[in-house]
Amino acid sequence: MLVGFEQVGDGSVCITATPLYGLSLWSKPLGNGTVAALIVNLLETNQTGTVPLVDIPGTTPQYLHALDVWSHETSVLAQPQLELSLRSHQSAFFILSASTENVQPSGTLYRSR
């Protein structure tokens, strides 16, 4: 269960429990035509499936280049979607672009602090 806040009729706020539904998607535009997408499996069970690029804000079907941040590998997507197979509480992190120039692994992307 996920804890959330809900406003009730009298204007007060109460805490509610919300069921978890599987994958959680977070995205952010990075500039230069790239978008970061983090997908997290919230469930106690493995999840396998696809995330259409149209469901990721800031992308279009032309965004067919993906840098897998965890594996440091760039790939061309055969379809405008991300294929995922995530274990319980595992995540996938991608940098998406319409151009391979914007998604090459670089030292600045992986630099430790």
C-alpha atoms as a PDB file:
ATOM      1  CA  MET A   1       0.000   0.000   0.000  1.00  0.00           C
ATOM      2  CA  LEU A   2       1.041   3.548  -0.697  1.00  0.00           C
ATOM      3  CA  VAL A   3       0.108   6.309   1.716  1.00  0.00           C
ATOM      4  CA  GLY A   4      -1.585   9.350   0.212  1.00  0.00           C
ATOM      5  CA  PHE A   5      -3.453  12.448   1.303  1.00  0.00           C
ATOM      6  CA  GLU A   6      -7.070  13.121   0.450  1.00  0.00           C
ATOM      7  CA  GLN A   7      -9.163  16.229   1.017  1.00  0.00           C
ATOM      8  CA  VAL A   8     -12.578  15.496   2.498  1.00  0.00           C
ATOM      9  CA  GLY A   9     -15.833  17.436   2.175  1.00  0.00           C
ATOM     10  CA  ASP A  10     -15.234  19.799   5.099  1.00  0.00           C
ATOM     11  CA  GLY A  11     -11.840  20.871   3.687  1.00  0.00           C
ATOM     12  CA  SER A  12      -9.760  18.844   6.109  1.00  0.00           C
ATOM     13  CA  VAL A  13      -7.116  16.398   4.922  1.00  0.00           C
ATOM     14  CA  CYS A  14      -6.847  12.778   5.949  1.00  0.00           C
ATOM     15  CA  ILE A  15      -4.299  10.067   5.241  1.00  0.00           C
ATOM     16  CA  THR A  16      -5.495   7.244   3.009  1.00  0.00           C
ATOM     17  CA  ALA A  17      -3.988   3.962   1.859  1.00  0.00           C
ATOM     18  CA  THR A  18      -3.865   3.493  -1.889  1.00  0.00           C
ATOM     19  CA  PRO A  19      -3.222   0.118  -3.534  1.00  0.00           C
ATOM     20  CA  LEU A  20      -0.088  -0.247  -5.641  1.00  0.00           C
ATOM     21  CA  TYR A  21      -0.713  -1.109  -9.283  1.00  0.00           C
ATOM     22  CA  GLY A  22       2.629  -2.238 -10.618  1.00  0.00           C
ATOM     23  CA  LEU A  23       4.966   0.070 -12.488  1.00  0.00           C
ATOM     24  CA  SER A  24       5.612   3.672 -11.511  1.00  0.00           C
ATOM     25  CA  LEU A  25       6.890   5.969 -14.278  1.00  0.00           C
ATOM     26  CA  TRP A  26       8.867   9.151 -13.637  1.00  0.00           C
ATOM     27  CA  SER A  27      10.228  11.305 -16.455  1.00  0.00           C
ATOM     28  CA  LYS A  28      12.041  14.592 -16.952  1.00  0.00           C
ATOM     29  CA  PRO A  29      13.148  16.522 -20.042  1.00  0.00           C
ATOM     30  CA  LEU A  30      16.926  16.981 -20.018  1.00  0.00           C
ATOM     31  CA  GLY A  31      17.368  19.418 -22.891  1.00  0.00           C
ATOM     32  CA  ASN A  32      18.956  18.797 -26.298  1.00  0.00           C
ATOM     33  CA  GLY A  33      15.888  16.728 -27.224  1.00  0.00           C
ATOM     34  CA  THR A  34      16.422  14.077 -24.555  1.00  0.00           C
ATOM     35  CA  VAL A  35      14.099  12.760 -21.858  1.00  0.00           C
ATOM     36  CA  ALA A  36      15.027  10.725 -18.791  1.00  0.00           C
ATOM     37  CA  ALA A  37      12.606   7.943 -17.820  1.00  0.00           C
ATOM     38  CA  LEU A  38      12.727   5.961 -14.594  1.00  0.00           C
ATOM     39  CA  ILE A  39      10.397   2.964 -14.287  1.00  0.00           C
ATOM     40  CA  VAL A  40      10.084   1.285 -10.872  1.00  0.00           C
ATOM     41  CA  ASN A  41       8.337  -2.003 -10.087  1.00  0.00           C
ATOM     42  CA  LEU A  42       6.419  -1.267  -6.878  1.00  0.00           C
ATOM     43  CA  LEU A  43       5.079  -4.778  -6.415  1.00  0.00           C
ATOM     44  CA  GLU A  44       6.359  -7.842  -4.563  1.00  0.00           C
ATOM     45  CA  THR A  45       6.151  -9.818  -7.834  1.00  0.00           C
ATOM     46  CA  ASN A  46       8.083  -9.631 -11.098  1.00  0.00           C
ATOM     47  CA  GLN A  47       6.616  -7.489 -13.874  1.00  0.00           C
ATOM     48  CA  THR A  48       7.132  -7.975 -17.606  1.00  0.00           C
ATOM     49  CA  GLY A  49       5.663  -5.761 -20.290  1.00  0.00           C
ATOM     50  CA  THR A  50       6.063  -2.660 -22.394  1.00  0.00           C
ATOM     51  CA  VAL A  51       5.855   1.079 -21.814  1.00  0.00           C
ATOM     52  CA  PRO A  52       4.744   2.907 -24.971  1.00  0.00           C
ATOM     53  CA  LEU A  53       6.767   6.063 -25.625  1.00  0.00           C
ATOM     54  CA  VAL A  54       3.513   8.022 -25.965  1.00  0.00           C
ATOM     55  CA  ASP A  55       3.001   7.369 -22.235  1.00  0.00           C
ATOM     56  CA  ILE A  56       6.306   9.098 -21.390  1.00  0.00           C
ATOM     57  CA  PRO A  57       5.806  12.895 -21.298  1.00  0.00           C
ATOM     58  CA  GLY A  58       8.103  14.779 -23.665  1.00  0.00           C
ATOM     59  CA  THR A  59       8.716  11.906 -26.071  1.00  0.00           C
ATOM     60  CA  THR A  60       7.212  11.100 -29.453  1.00  0.00           C
ATOM     61  CA  PRO A  61       7.140   7.894 -31.532  1.00  0.00           C
ATOM     62  CA  GLN A  62      10.324   9.194 -33.243  1.00  0.00           C
ATOM     63  CA  TYR A  63      12.256   8.708 -29.980  1.00  0.00           C
ATOM     64  CA  LEU A  64      13.749   5.362 -30.965  1.00  0.00           C
ATOM     65  CA  HIS A  65      17.168   5.645 -29.287  1.00  0.00           C
ATOM     66  CA  ALA A  66      17.559   4.607 -25.667  1.00  0.00           C
ATOM     67  CA  LEU A  67      20.529   4.691 -23.350  1.00  0.00           C
ATOM     68  CA  ASP A  68      20.102   2.189 -20.523  1.00  0.00           C
ATOM     69  CA  VAL A  69      21.761   4.121 -17.697  1.00  0.00           C
ATOM     70  CA  TRP A  70      22.300   1.042 -15.521  1.00  0.00           C
ATOM     71  CA  SER A  71      24.046  -1.045 -18.219  1.00  0.00           C
ATOM     72  CA  HIS A  72      25.629   1.920 -20.101  1.00  0.00           C
ATOM     73  CA  GLU A  73      24.333   0.476 -23.397  1.00  0.00           C
ATOM     74  CA  THR A  74      22.645   2.419 -26.180  1.00  0.00           C
ATOM     75  CA  SER A  75      20.089   0.692 -28.364  1.00  0.00           C
ATOM     76  CA  VAL A  76      17.722   1.427 -31.223  1.00  0.00           C
ATOM     77  CA  LEU A  77      14.164   0.509 -30.291  1.00  0.00           C
ATOM     78  CA  ALA A  78      12.414  -1.732 -32.836  1.00  0.00           C
ATOM     79  CA  GLN A  79       9.062  -0.270 -31.762  1.00  0.00           C
ATOM     80  CA  PRO A  80       8.193   3.066 -30.079  1.00  0.00           C
ATOM     81  CA  GLN A  81       8.108   1.377 -26.674  1.00  0.00           C
ATOM     82  CA  LEU A  82      10.389   0.153 -23.900  1.00  0.00           C
ATOM     83  CA  GLU A  83      10.448  -3.597 -23.261  1.00  0.00           C
ATOM     84  CA  LEU A  84      10.798  -4.312 -19.546  1.00  0.00           C
ATOM     85  CA  SER A  85      11.306  -7.272 -17.285  1.00  0.00           C
ATOM     86  CA  LEU A  86      11.701  -6.080 -13.696  1.00  0.00           C
ATOM     87  CA  ARG A  87      12.075  -8.071 -10.513  1.00  0.00           C
ATOM     88  CA  SER A  88      10.259  -6.973  -7.360  1.00  0.00           C
ATOM     89  CA  HIS A  89      11.286  -3.372  -6.503  1.00  0.00           C
ATOM     90  CA  GLN A  90      13.776  -3.248  -9.398  1.00  0.00           C
ATOM     91  CA  SER A  91      14.031  -0.168 -11.607  1.00  0.00           C
ATOM     92  CA  ALA A  92      14.980   0.662 -15.186  1.00  0.00           C
ATOM     93  CA  PHE A  93      16.460   4.048 -16.092  1.00  0.00           C
ATOM     94  CA  PHE A  94      16.682   5.325 -19.677  1.00  0.00           C
ATOM     95  CA  ILE A  95      17.740   8.448 -21.554  1.00  0.00           C
ATOM     96  CA  LEU A  96      15.540   8.661 -24.659  1.00  0.00           C
ATOM     97  CA  SER A  97      16.176  10.627 -27.851  1.00  0.00           C
ATOM     98  CA  ALA A  98      15.306  10.816 -31.523  1.00  0.00           C
ATOM     99  CA  SER A  99      19.065  11.034 -32.253  1.00  0.00           C
ATOM    100  CA  THR A 100      21.893   8.713 -31.249  1.00  0.00           C
ATOM    101  CA  GLU A 101      24.145  11.760 -30.773  1.00  0.00           C
ATOM    102  CA  ASN A 102      22.257  12.720 -27.616  1.00  0.00           C
ATOM    103  CA  VAL A 103      22.269   9.326 -25.907  1.00  0.00           C
ATOM    104  CA  GLN A 104      25.868   8.162 -26.016  1.00  0.00           C
ATOM    105  CA  PRO A 105      27.376   7.181 -22.657  1.00  0.00           C
ATOM    106  CA  SER A 106      29.700   9.866 -21.362  1.00  0.00           C
ATOM    107  CA  GLY A 107      32.005  10.371 -18.428  1.00  0.00           C
ATOM    108  CA  THR A 108      29.898  13.263 -17.162  1.00  0.00           C
ATOM    109  CA  LEU A 109      26.749  11.145 -16.998  1.00  0.00           C
ATOM    110  CA  TYR A 110      28.382   8.518 -14.793  1.00  0.00           C
ATOM    111  CA  ARG A 111      30.812  10.646 -12.852  1.00  0.00           C
ATOM    112  CA  SER A 112      30.749   9.826  -9.153  1.00  0.00           C
ATOM    113  CA  ARG A 113      30.754  12.626  -6.613  1.00  0.00           C
END
